Amino acid sequence: MCKQTRIDDKQSPILAKEQQDSANYVKQKEINEPTLIKSLHKKLILSDYHIFPKKGKINITEKHGVYIIYNPKNEVLHVGNTPSGRKGLNQRLYNHISCTGVFYEKYLKPNNIKMRGTHKFKYLEVDDIRQRALLEAYSAGKLCPLHFGTGAKKIV
């Protein structure tokens, strides 16, 4: 059994200050995180449109982030993020136009949709993986995309 050691603040004022700063940081982060995600969503919505190239690869950024894909009528088709991948948003968005991935298999292919040269996207670079996941979830909830991946496996 581990024995807990209580450190008296009088014995270690530096440690007590570090513990208080740490507790304040956690509280501040919890309070501000919803506001931060809303702010990031607004930046994403206000970002520029980019049309998927008619040929070749996508060359916007190798950083990670969140993106929104629109059809030619400006309807939101898909909201996604880059959970991993060496080439970040370039790789993730290229996957969607190169006939790979769940979005292609579950939505684009059955609806015979080709996005090159006709569909567009917006993106926002987001370094923090938790913020990317929260921003994707928040944006999908606000925008209600035509395709929404649930992650559920099809039972045969």
N, C-alpha and C. Protein backbone atom coordinates (compact mmCIF):
# COMPACT_ATOMS: atom_id res chain seq x y z
N MET A 1 0.84 -1.17 0.00
CA MET A 1 0.00 0.00 0.00
C MET A 1 0.89 1.24 0.00
N CYS A 2 0.56 2.19 -0.84
CA CYS A 2 1.34 3.42 -0.94
C CYS A 2 1.00 4.33 0.23
N LYS A 3 2.02 4.92 0.76
CA LYS A 3 1.84 5.86 1.84
C LYS A 3 1.84 7.26 1.25
N GLN A 4 0.76 8.01 1.48
CA GLN A 4 0.68 9.37 0.97
C GLN A 4 1.46 10.29 1.89
N THR A 5 2.20 11.15 1.29
CA THR A 5 2.97 12.12 2.05
C THR A 5 2.33 13.48 1.86
N ARG A 6 1.98 14.12 2.95
CA ARG A 6 1.40 15.45 2.89
C ARG A 6 2.53 16.47 2.99
N ILE A 7 2.55 17.36 2.07
CA ILE A 7 3.59 18.39 2.09
C ILE A 7 2.98 19.65 2.66
N ASP A 8 3.52 20.09 3.73
CA ASP A 8 3.05 21.29 4.39
C ASP A 8 3.48 22.50 3.56
N ASP A 9 2.52 23.40 3.30
CA ASP A 9 2.82 24.59 2.51
C ASP A 9 3.96 25.40 3.11
N LYS A 10 4.07 25.39 4.44
CA LYS A 10 5.15 26.14 5.08
C LYS A 10 6.50 25.53 4.77
N GLN A 11 6.52 24.22 4.55
CA GLN A 11 7.78 23.56 4.24
C GLN A 11 8.20 23.79 2.80
N SER A 12 7.25 23.88 1.90
CA SER A 12 7.59 24.01 0.49
C SER A 12 6.66 25.01 -0.21
N PRO A 13 6.89 26.29 -0.05
CA PRO A 13 6.03 27.28 -0.71
C PRO A 13 6.11 27.22 -2.24
N ILE A 14 7.25 26.81 -2.77
CA ILE A 14 7.38 26.71 -4.22
C ILE A 14 6.49 25.60 -4.76
N LEU A 15 6.49 24.42 -4.11
CA LEU A 15 5.65 23.31 -4.53
C LEU A 15 4.18 23.68 -4.39
N ALA A 16 3.82 24.32 -3.30
CA ALA A 16 2.43 24.73 -3.09
C ALA A 16 1.98 25.67 -4.21
N LYS A 17 2.84 26.61 -4.59
CA LYS A 17 2.53 27.56 -5.67
C LYS A 17 2.36 26.83 -7.00
N GLU A 18 3.23 25.86 -7.29
CA GLU A 18 3.13 25.08 -8.52
C GLU A 18 1.82 24.30 -8.56
N GLN A 19 1.43 23.71 -7.43
CA GLN A 19 0.18 22.95 -7.37
C GLN A 19 -1.01 23.87 -7.60
N GLN A 20 -0.99 25.07 -7.00
CA GLN A 20 -2.08 26.03 -7.17
C GLN A 20 -2.15 26.49 -8.62
N ASP A 21 -0.99 26.80 -9.23
CA ASP A 21 -0.96 27.22 -10.63
C ASP A 21 -1.51 26.13 -11.53
N SER A 22 -1.15 24.90 -11.26
CA SER A 22 -1.63 23.77 -12.05
C SER A 22 -3.15 23.63 -11.93
N ALA A 23 -3.68 23.75 -10.73
CA ALA A 23 -5.12 23.65 -10.51
C ALA A 23 -5.85 24.79 -11.23
N ASN A 24 -5.29 26.00 -11.16
CA ASN A 24 -5.90 27.14 -11.84
C ASN A 24 -5.89 26.96 -13.35
N TYR A 25 -4.79 26.40 -13.89
CA TYR A 25 -4.68 26.16 -15.33
C TYR A 25 -5.76 25.18 -15.78
N VAL A 26 -5.95 24.11 -15.03
CA VAL A 26 -6.97 23.10 -15.38
C VAL A 26 -8.35 23.73 -15.35
N LYS A 27 -8.66 24.52 -14.32
CA LYS A 27 -9.97 25.18 -14.24
C LYS A 27 -10.15 26.15 -15.40
N GLN A 28 -9.12 26.93 -15.71
CA GLN A 28 -9.19 27.89 -16.80
C GLN A 28 -9.42 27.18 -18.13
N LYS A 29 -8.73 26.07 -18.34
CA LYS A 29 -8.87 25.32 -19.58
C LYS A 29 -10.29 24.78 -19.72
N GLU A 30 -10.85 24.24 -18.62
CA GLU A 30 -12.19 23.69 -18.64
C GLU A 30 -13.21 24.78 -18.95
N ILE A 31 -13.03 25.95 -18.36
CA ILE A 31 -13.98 27.04 -18.56
C ILE A 31 -13.90 27.57 -19.99
N ASN A 32 -12.70 27.70 -20.52
CA ASN A 32 -12.52 28.33 -21.82
C ASN A 32 -12.63 27.39 -23.01
N GLU A 33 -12.59 26.09 -22.80
CA GLU A 33 -12.58 25.16 -23.93
C GLU A 33 -13.83 25.29 -24.81
N PRO A 34 -15.04 25.34 -24.26
CA PRO A 34 -16.21 25.51 -25.14
C PRO A 34 -16.16 26.82 -25.93
N THR A 35 -15.70 27.87 -25.30
CA THR A 35 -15.57 29.15 -25.99
C THR A 35 -14.54 29.06 -27.10
N LEU A 36 -13.44 28.38 -26.83
CA LEU A 36 -12.40 28.18 -27.83
C LEU A 36 -12.93 27.41 -29.03
N ILE A 37 -13.65 26.33 -28.79
CA ILE A 37 -14.18 25.51 -29.89
C ILE A 37 -15.17 26.31 -30.73
N LYS A 38 -16.03 27.09 -30.09
CA LYS A 38 -16.96 27.96 -30.83
C LYS A 38 -16.20 28.96 -31.69
N SER A 39 -15.13 29.51 -31.13
CA SER A 39 -14.31 30.48 -31.86
C SER A 39 -13.62 29.81 -33.06
N LEU A 40 -13.11 28.61 -32.86
CA LEU A 40 -12.48 27.89 -33.97
C LEU A 40 -13.51 27.56 -35.05
N HIS A 41 -14.72 27.21 -34.65
CA HIS A 41 -15.79 26.92 -35.62
C HIS A 41 -16.07 28.16 -36.47
N LYS A 42 -16.14 29.30 -35.82
CA LYS A 42 -16.40 30.54 -36.55
C LYS A 42 -15.27 30.81 -37.56
N LYS A 43 -14.01 30.60 -37.14
CA LYS A 43 -12.88 30.77 -38.06
C LYS A 43 -12.98 29.81 -39.23
N LEU A 44 -13.36 28.58 -38.96
CA LEU A 44 -13.51 27.57 -40.02
C LEU A 44 -14.58 28.00 -41.02
N ILE A 45 -15.72 28.44 -40.52
CA ILE A 45 -16.83 28.86 -41.38
C ILE A 45 -16.43 30.08 -42.23
N LEU A 46 -15.65 30.97 -41.66
CA LEU A 46 -15.26 32.19 -42.36
C LEU A 46 -14.03 32.01 -43.25
N SER A 47 -13.42 30.83 -43.22
CA SER A 47 -12.23 30.60 -44.05
C SER A 47 -12.61 30.53 -45.53
N ASP A 48 -11.60 30.62 -46.38
CA ASP A 48 -11.82 30.63 -47.83
C ASP A 48 -12.24 29.27 -48.36
N TYR A 49 -13.00 29.30 -49.45
CA TYR A 49 -13.33 28.09 -50.20
C TYR A 49 -12.14 27.71 -51.07
N HIS A 50 -11.95 26.41 -51.27
CA HIS A 50 -10.95 25.87 -52.18
C HIS A 50 -11.65 24.81 -53.02
N ILE A 51 -11.52 24.89 -54.33
CA ILE A 51 -12.13 23.90 -55.21
C ILE A 51 -11.19 22.71 -55.33
N PHE A 52 -11.76 21.50 -55.26
CA PHE A 52 -10.93 20.31 -55.46
C PHE A 52 -10.35 20.37 -56.87
N PRO A 53 -9.05 20.08 -57.02
CA PRO A 53 -8.42 20.18 -58.33
C PRO A 53 -8.99 19.16 -59.32
N LYS A 54 -9.02 19.56 -60.60
CA LYS A 54 -9.51 18.65 -61.64
C LYS A 54 -8.56 17.47 -61.82
N LYS A 55 -7.27 17.71 -61.60
CA LYS A 55 -6.25 16.66 -61.72
C LYS A 55 -5.23 16.85 -60.61
N GLY A 56 -4.51 15.79 -60.31
CA GLY A 56 -3.40 15.88 -59.38
C GLY A 56 -3.79 15.85 -57.91
N LYS A 57 -2.80 16.18 -57.11
CA LYS A 57 -2.97 16.12 -55.65
C LYS A 57 -3.41 17.47 -55.10
N ILE A 58 -3.71 17.45 -53.84
CA ILE A 58 -4.08 18.67 -53.13
C ILE A 58 -2.83 19.22 -52.45
N ASN A 59 -2.64 20.53 -52.57
CA ASN A 59 -1.45 21.14 -51.99
C ASN A 59 -1.85 22.40 -51.21
N ILE A 60 -2.43 22.18 -50.00
CA ILE A 60 -2.81 23.32 -49.17
C ILE A 60 -1.94 23.40 -47.91
N THR A 61 -1.81 22.28 -47.21
CA THR A 61 -0.97 22.24 -46.01
C THR A 61 -0.77 20.80 -45.56
N GLU A 62 0.40 20.54 -45.00
CA GLU A 62 0.67 19.23 -44.43
C GLU A 62 0.36 19.20 -42.94
N LYS A 63 -0.18 20.30 -42.43
CA LYS A 63 -0.57 20.35 -41.02
C LYS A 63 -1.92 19.67 -40.84
N HIS A 64 -2.22 19.34 -39.59
CA HIS A 64 -3.50 18.71 -39.28
C HIS A 64 -4.56 19.76 -39.03
N GLY A 65 -5.81 19.35 -39.19
CA GLY A 65 -6.90 20.30 -38.99
C GLY A 65 -8.26 19.68 -39.20
N VAL A 66 -9.23 20.56 -39.37
CA VAL A 66 -10.64 20.18 -39.58
C VAL A 66 -11.07 20.80 -40.90
N TYR A 67 -11.95 20.10 -41.62
CA TYR A 67 -12.39 20.57 -42.92
C TYR A 67 -13.88 20.34 -43.12
N ILE A 68 -14.46 21.10 -44.02
CA ILE A 68 -15.87 20.97 -44.42
C ILE A 68 -15.88 20.83 -45.93
N ILE A 69 -16.61 19.83 -46.44
CA ILE A 69 -16.74 19.63 -47.88
C ILE A 69 -18.16 20.04 -48.30
N TYR A 70 -18.20 20.86 -49.36
CA TYR A 70 -19.47 21.38 -49.89
C TYR A 70 -19.71 20.86 -51.30
N ASN A 71 -20.97 20.68 -51.66
CA ASN A 71 -21.30 20.34 -53.04
C ASN A 71 -21.48 21.65 -53.82
N PRO A 72 -21.72 21.58 -55.14
CA PRO A 72 -21.85 22.82 -55.93
C PRO A 72 -23.02 23.72 -55.49
N LYS A 73 -24.00 23.16 -54.77
CA LYS A 73 -25.13 23.96 -54.27
C LYS A 73 -24.84 24.56 -52.89
N ASN A 74 -23.60 24.43 -52.42
CA ASN A 74 -23.17 24.90 -51.09
C ASN A 74 -23.81 24.14 -49.94
N GLU A 75 -24.27 22.93 -50.20
CA GLU A 75 -24.76 22.07 -49.11
C GLU A 75 -23.55 21.37 -48.49
N VAL A 76 -23.57 21.23 -47.19
CA VAL A 76 -22.46 20.57 -46.50
C VAL A 76 -22.60 19.07 -46.68
N LEU A 77 -21.60 18.47 -47.32
CA LEU A 77 -21.60 17.02 -47.52
C LEU A 77 -20.95 16.29 -46.35
N HIS A 78 -19.86 16.85 -45.84
CA HIS A 78 -19.06 16.10 -44.88
C HIS A 78 -18.23 17.05 -44.04
N VAL A 79 -18.07 16.72 -42.76
CA VAL A 79 -17.16 17.43 -41.88
C VAL A 79 -16.17 16.39 -41.37
N GLY A 80 -14.90 16.70 -41.44
CA GLY A 80 -13.90 15.72 -41.01
C GLY A 80 -12.69 16.37 -40.39
N ASN A 81 -11.80 15.52 -39.86
CA ASN A 81 -10.55 16.02 -39.31
C ASN A 81 -9.44 15.05 -39.65
N THR A 82 -8.24 15.44 -39.34
CA THR A 82 -7.06 14.61 -39.61
C THR A 82 -6.55 14.03 -38.30
N PRO A 83 -7.02 12.85 -37.93
CA PRO A 83 -6.53 12.27 -36.68
C PRO A 83 -5.06 11.86 -36.75
N SER A 84 -4.59 11.56 -37.93
CA SER A 84 -3.19 11.15 -38.11
C SER A 84 -2.82 11.36 -39.57
N GLY A 85 -1.66 10.89 -39.94
CA GLY A 85 -1.22 11.00 -41.33
C GLY A 85 -0.06 11.96 -41.45
N ARG A 86 0.96 11.54 -42.16
CA ARG A 86 2.17 12.35 -42.31
C ARG A 86 1.92 13.65 -43.05
N LYS A 87 1.02 13.64 -43.99
CA LYS A 87 0.82 14.83 -44.83
C LYS A 87 -0.46 15.58 -44.48
N GLY A 88 -1.00 15.35 -43.31
CA GLY A 88 -2.10 16.15 -42.77
C GLY A 88 -3.29 16.34 -43.69
N LEU A 89 -3.71 17.59 -43.82
CA LEU A 89 -4.90 17.91 -44.61
C LEU A 89 -4.72 17.57 -46.08
N ASN A 90 -3.52 17.75 -46.63
CA ASN A 90 -3.28 17.37 -48.03
C ASN A 90 -3.67 15.90 -48.25
N GLN A 91 -3.17 15.04 -47.39
CA GLN A 91 -3.41 13.61 -47.53
C GLN A 91 -4.88 13.26 -47.32
N ARG A 92 -5.48 13.82 -46.26
CA ARG A 92 -6.87 13.48 -45.92
C ARG A 92 -7.83 13.89 -47.02
N LEU A 93 -7.69 15.11 -47.51
CA LEU A 93 -8.59 15.58 -48.57
C LEU A 93 -8.33 14.84 -49.88
N TYR A 94 -7.07 14.52 -50.15
CA TYR A 94 -6.76 13.74 -51.36
C TYR A 94 -7.42 12.36 -51.29
N ASN A 95 -7.44 11.76 -50.11
CA ASN A 95 -8.10 10.46 -49.96
C ASN A 95 -9.56 10.52 -50.43
N HIS A 96 -10.22 11.63 -50.16
CA HIS A 96 -11.64 11.75 -50.55
C HIS A 96 -11.83 11.83 -52.06
N ILE A 97 -10.86 12.37 -52.78
CA ILE A 97 -11.03 12.47 -54.24
C ILE A 97 -10.33 11.32 -54.97
N SER A 98 -9.67 10.45 -54.23
CA SER A 98 -8.98 9.33 -54.89
C SER A 98 -9.67 8.00 -54.61
N CYS A 99 -10.96 8.07 -54.35
CA CYS A 99 -11.80 6.88 -54.22
C CYS A 99 -11.36 5.94 -53.09
N THR A 100 -10.98 6.50 -51.96
CA THR A 100 -10.64 5.69 -50.80
C THR A 100 -11.35 6.24 -49.57
N GLY A 101 -11.55 5.41 -48.60
CA GLY A 101 -12.12 5.85 -47.33
C GLY A 101 -13.61 5.62 -47.22
N VAL A 102 -14.10 5.78 -46.02
CA VAL A 102 -15.50 5.53 -45.70
C VAL A 102 -16.42 6.53 -46.38
N PHE A 103 -16.04 7.80 -46.40
CA PHE A 103 -16.86 8.83 -47.04
C PHE A 103 -17.10 8.48 -48.51
N TYR A 104 -16.06 8.03 -49.18
CA TYR A 104 -16.21 7.61 -50.57
C TYR A 104 -17.12 6.39 -50.67
N GLU A 105 -16.82 5.36 -49.90
CA GLU A 105 -17.57 4.10 -49.98
C GLU A 105 -19.04 4.24 -49.59
N LYS A 106 -19.31 5.02 -48.56
CA LYS A 106 -20.68 5.12 -48.02
C LYS A 106 -21.52 6.22 -48.65
N TYR A 107 -20.87 7.24 -49.21
CA TYR A 107 -21.66 8.36 -49.73
C TYR A 107 -21.36 8.70 -51.19
N LEU A 108 -20.11 8.95 -51.50
CA LEU A 108 -19.79 9.40 -52.86
C LEU A 108 -20.05 8.32 -53.90
N LYS A 109 -19.55 7.13 -53.68
CA LYS A 109 -19.70 6.03 -54.65
C LYS A 109 -21.18 5.67 -54.88
N PRO A 110 -21.97 5.43 -53.84
CA PRO A 110 -23.38 5.09 -54.08
C PRO A 110 -24.17 6.20 -54.78
N ASN A 111 -23.76 7.44 -54.60
CA ASN A 111 -24.45 8.56 -55.23
C ASN A 111 -23.77 9.02 -56.53
N ASN A 112 -22.78 8.25 -56.97
CA ASN A 112 -22.04 8.53 -58.21
C ASN A 112 -21.53 9.99 -58.26
N ILE A 113 -20.90 10.40 -57.17
CA ILE A 113 -20.40 11.77 -57.07
C ILE A 113 -18.89 11.80 -57.30
N LYS A 114 -18.49 12.64 -58.20
CA LYS A 114 -17.07 12.93 -58.46
C LYS A 114 -16.84 14.37 -58.02
N MET A 115 -15.93 14.60 -57.10
CA MET A 115 -15.76 15.94 -56.53
C MET A 115 -14.75 16.81 -57.25
N ARG A 116 -13.89 16.23 -58.06
CA ARG A 116 -12.84 17.00 -58.72
C ARG A 116 -13.42 18.10 -59.62
N GLY A 117 -12.96 19.32 -59.39
CA GLY A 117 -13.35 20.45 -60.23
C GLY A 117 -14.74 21.01 -59.97
N THR A 118 -15.53 20.36 -59.13
CA THR A 118 -16.90 20.83 -58.90
C THR A 118 -17.21 21.12 -57.44
N HIS A 119 -16.65 20.32 -56.56
CA HIS A 119 -16.93 20.47 -55.13
C HIS A 119 -15.82 21.30 -54.49
N LYS A 120 -16.12 21.86 -53.33
CA LYS A 120 -15.15 22.72 -52.67
C LYS A 120 -15.06 22.37 -51.19
N PHE A 121 -14.07 22.93 -50.55
CA PHE A 121 -13.86 22.67 -49.13
C PHE A 121 -13.30 23.91 -48.45
N LYS A 122 -13.49 23.94 -47.15
CA LYS A 122 -12.85 24.91 -46.27
C LYS A 122 -12.06 24.12 -45.26
N TYR A 123 -11.04 24.73 -44.71
CA TYR A 123 -10.26 24.02 -43.69
C TYR A 123 -9.70 25.01 -42.69
N LEU A 124 -9.33 24.47 -41.54
CA LEU A 124 -8.67 25.24 -40.51
C LEU A 124 -7.60 24.36 -39.89
N GLU A 125 -6.38 24.85 -39.84
CA GLU A 125 -5.29 24.11 -39.19
C GLU A 125 -5.51 24.15 -37.68
N VAL A 126 -5.45 22.97 -37.06
CA VAL A 126 -5.61 22.86 -35.60
C VAL A 126 -4.58 21.82 -35.14
N ASP A 127 -3.60 22.27 -34.37
CA ASP A 127 -2.53 21.38 -33.92
C ASP A 127 -2.99 20.36 -32.88
N ASP A 128 -3.80 20.77 -31.93
CA ASP A 128 -4.18 19.92 -30.80
C ASP A 128 -5.22 18.88 -31.21
N ILE A 129 -4.92 17.60 -30.98
CA ILE A 129 -5.81 16.52 -31.42
C ILE A 129 -7.17 16.56 -30.73
N ARG A 130 -7.20 16.93 -29.46
CA ARG A 130 -8.48 17.04 -28.75
C ARG A 130 -9.32 18.18 -29.34
N GLN A 131 -8.69 19.31 -29.60
CA GLN A 131 -9.41 20.43 -30.20
C GLN A 131 -9.93 20.07 -31.59
N ARG A 132 -9.16 19.30 -32.36
CA ARG A 132 -9.62 18.86 -33.68
C ARG A 132 -10.87 18.01 -33.55
N ALA A 133 -10.85 17.06 -32.63
CA ALA A 133 -12.00 16.17 -32.45
C ALA A 133 -13.23 16.94 -31.98
N LEU A 134 -13.03 17.85 -31.03
CA LEU A 134 -14.15 18.65 -30.54
C LEU A 134 -14.70 19.59 -31.62
N LEU A 135 -13.80 20.20 -32.38
CA LEU A 135 -14.23 21.09 -33.46
C LEU A 135 -14.99 20.32 -34.53
N GLU A 136 -14.52 19.15 -34.88
CA GLU A 136 -15.23 18.34 -35.87
C GLU A 136 -16.63 18.00 -35.36
N ALA A 137 -16.73 17.56 -34.11
CA ALA A 137 -18.03 17.19 -33.54
C ALA A 137 -18.96 18.40 -33.46
N TYR A 138 -18.44 19.52 -32.99
CA TYR A 138 -19.24 20.74 -32.87
C TYR A 138 -19.74 21.20 -34.25
N SER A 139 -18.83 21.23 -35.21
CA SER A 139 -19.18 21.68 -36.56
C SER A 139 -20.19 20.76 -37.22
N ALA A 140 -20.01 19.46 -37.05
CA ALA A 140 -20.97 18.51 -37.62
C ALA A 140 -22.34 18.70 -36.98
N GLY A 141 -22.37 18.92 -35.68
CA GLY A 141 -23.64 19.15 -35.00
C GLY A 141 -24.32 20.43 -35.45
N LYS A 142 -23.57 21.47 -35.70
CA LYS A 142 -24.13 22.74 -36.15
C LYS A 142 -24.56 22.70 -37.62
N LEU A 143 -23.79 21.99 -38.46
CA LEU A 143 -24.01 22.03 -39.90
C LEU A 143 -24.84 20.87 -40.45
N CYS A 144 -24.98 19.80 -39.70
CA CYS A 144 -25.76 18.61 -40.12
C CYS A 144 -25.42 18.18 -41.54
N PRO A 145 -24.21 17.69 -41.78
CA PRO A 145 -23.80 17.31 -43.14
C PRO A 145 -24.65 16.17 -43.70
N LEU A 146 -24.75 16.14 -45.03
CA LEU A 146 -25.54 15.09 -45.69
C LEU A 146 -24.98 13.71 -45.39
N HIS A 147 -23.66 13.61 -45.27
CA HIS A 147 -23.03 12.34 -44.85
C HIS A 147 -22.46 12.54 -43.46
N PHE A 148 -22.83 11.63 -42.57
CA PHE A 148 -22.28 11.67 -41.21
C PHE A 148 -21.86 10.26 -40.84
N GLY A 149 -20.57 10.05 -40.71
CA GLY A 149 -20.06 8.73 -40.35
C GLY A 149 -20.27 8.46 -38.87
N THR A 150 -20.94 7.37 -38.56
CA THR A 150 -21.21 7.02 -37.17
C THR A 150 -20.16 6.07 -36.61
N GLY A 151 -19.39 5.44 -37.49
CA GLY A 151 -18.41 4.47 -37.03
C GLY A 151 -19.00 3.10 -36.78
N ALA A 152 -20.31 2.98 -36.95
CA ALA A 152 -20.97 1.69 -36.71
C ALA A 152 -20.63 0.71 -37.84
N LYS A 153 -20.38 -0.53 -37.47
CA LYS A 153 -20.10 -1.58 -38.45
C LYS A 153 -21.41 -2.16 -38.94
N LYS A 154 -21.45 -2.47 -40.22
CA LYS A 154 -22.65 -3.07 -40.80
C LYS A 154 -22.73 -4.53 -40.39
N ILE A 155 -23.87 -4.93 -39.86
CA ILE A 155 -24.07 -6.32 -39.44
C ILE A 155 -24.72 -7.08 -40.57
N VAL A 156 -24.10 -8.20 -40.94
CA VAL A 156 -24.60 -9.00 -42.07
C VAL A 156 -25.52 -10.08 -41.57
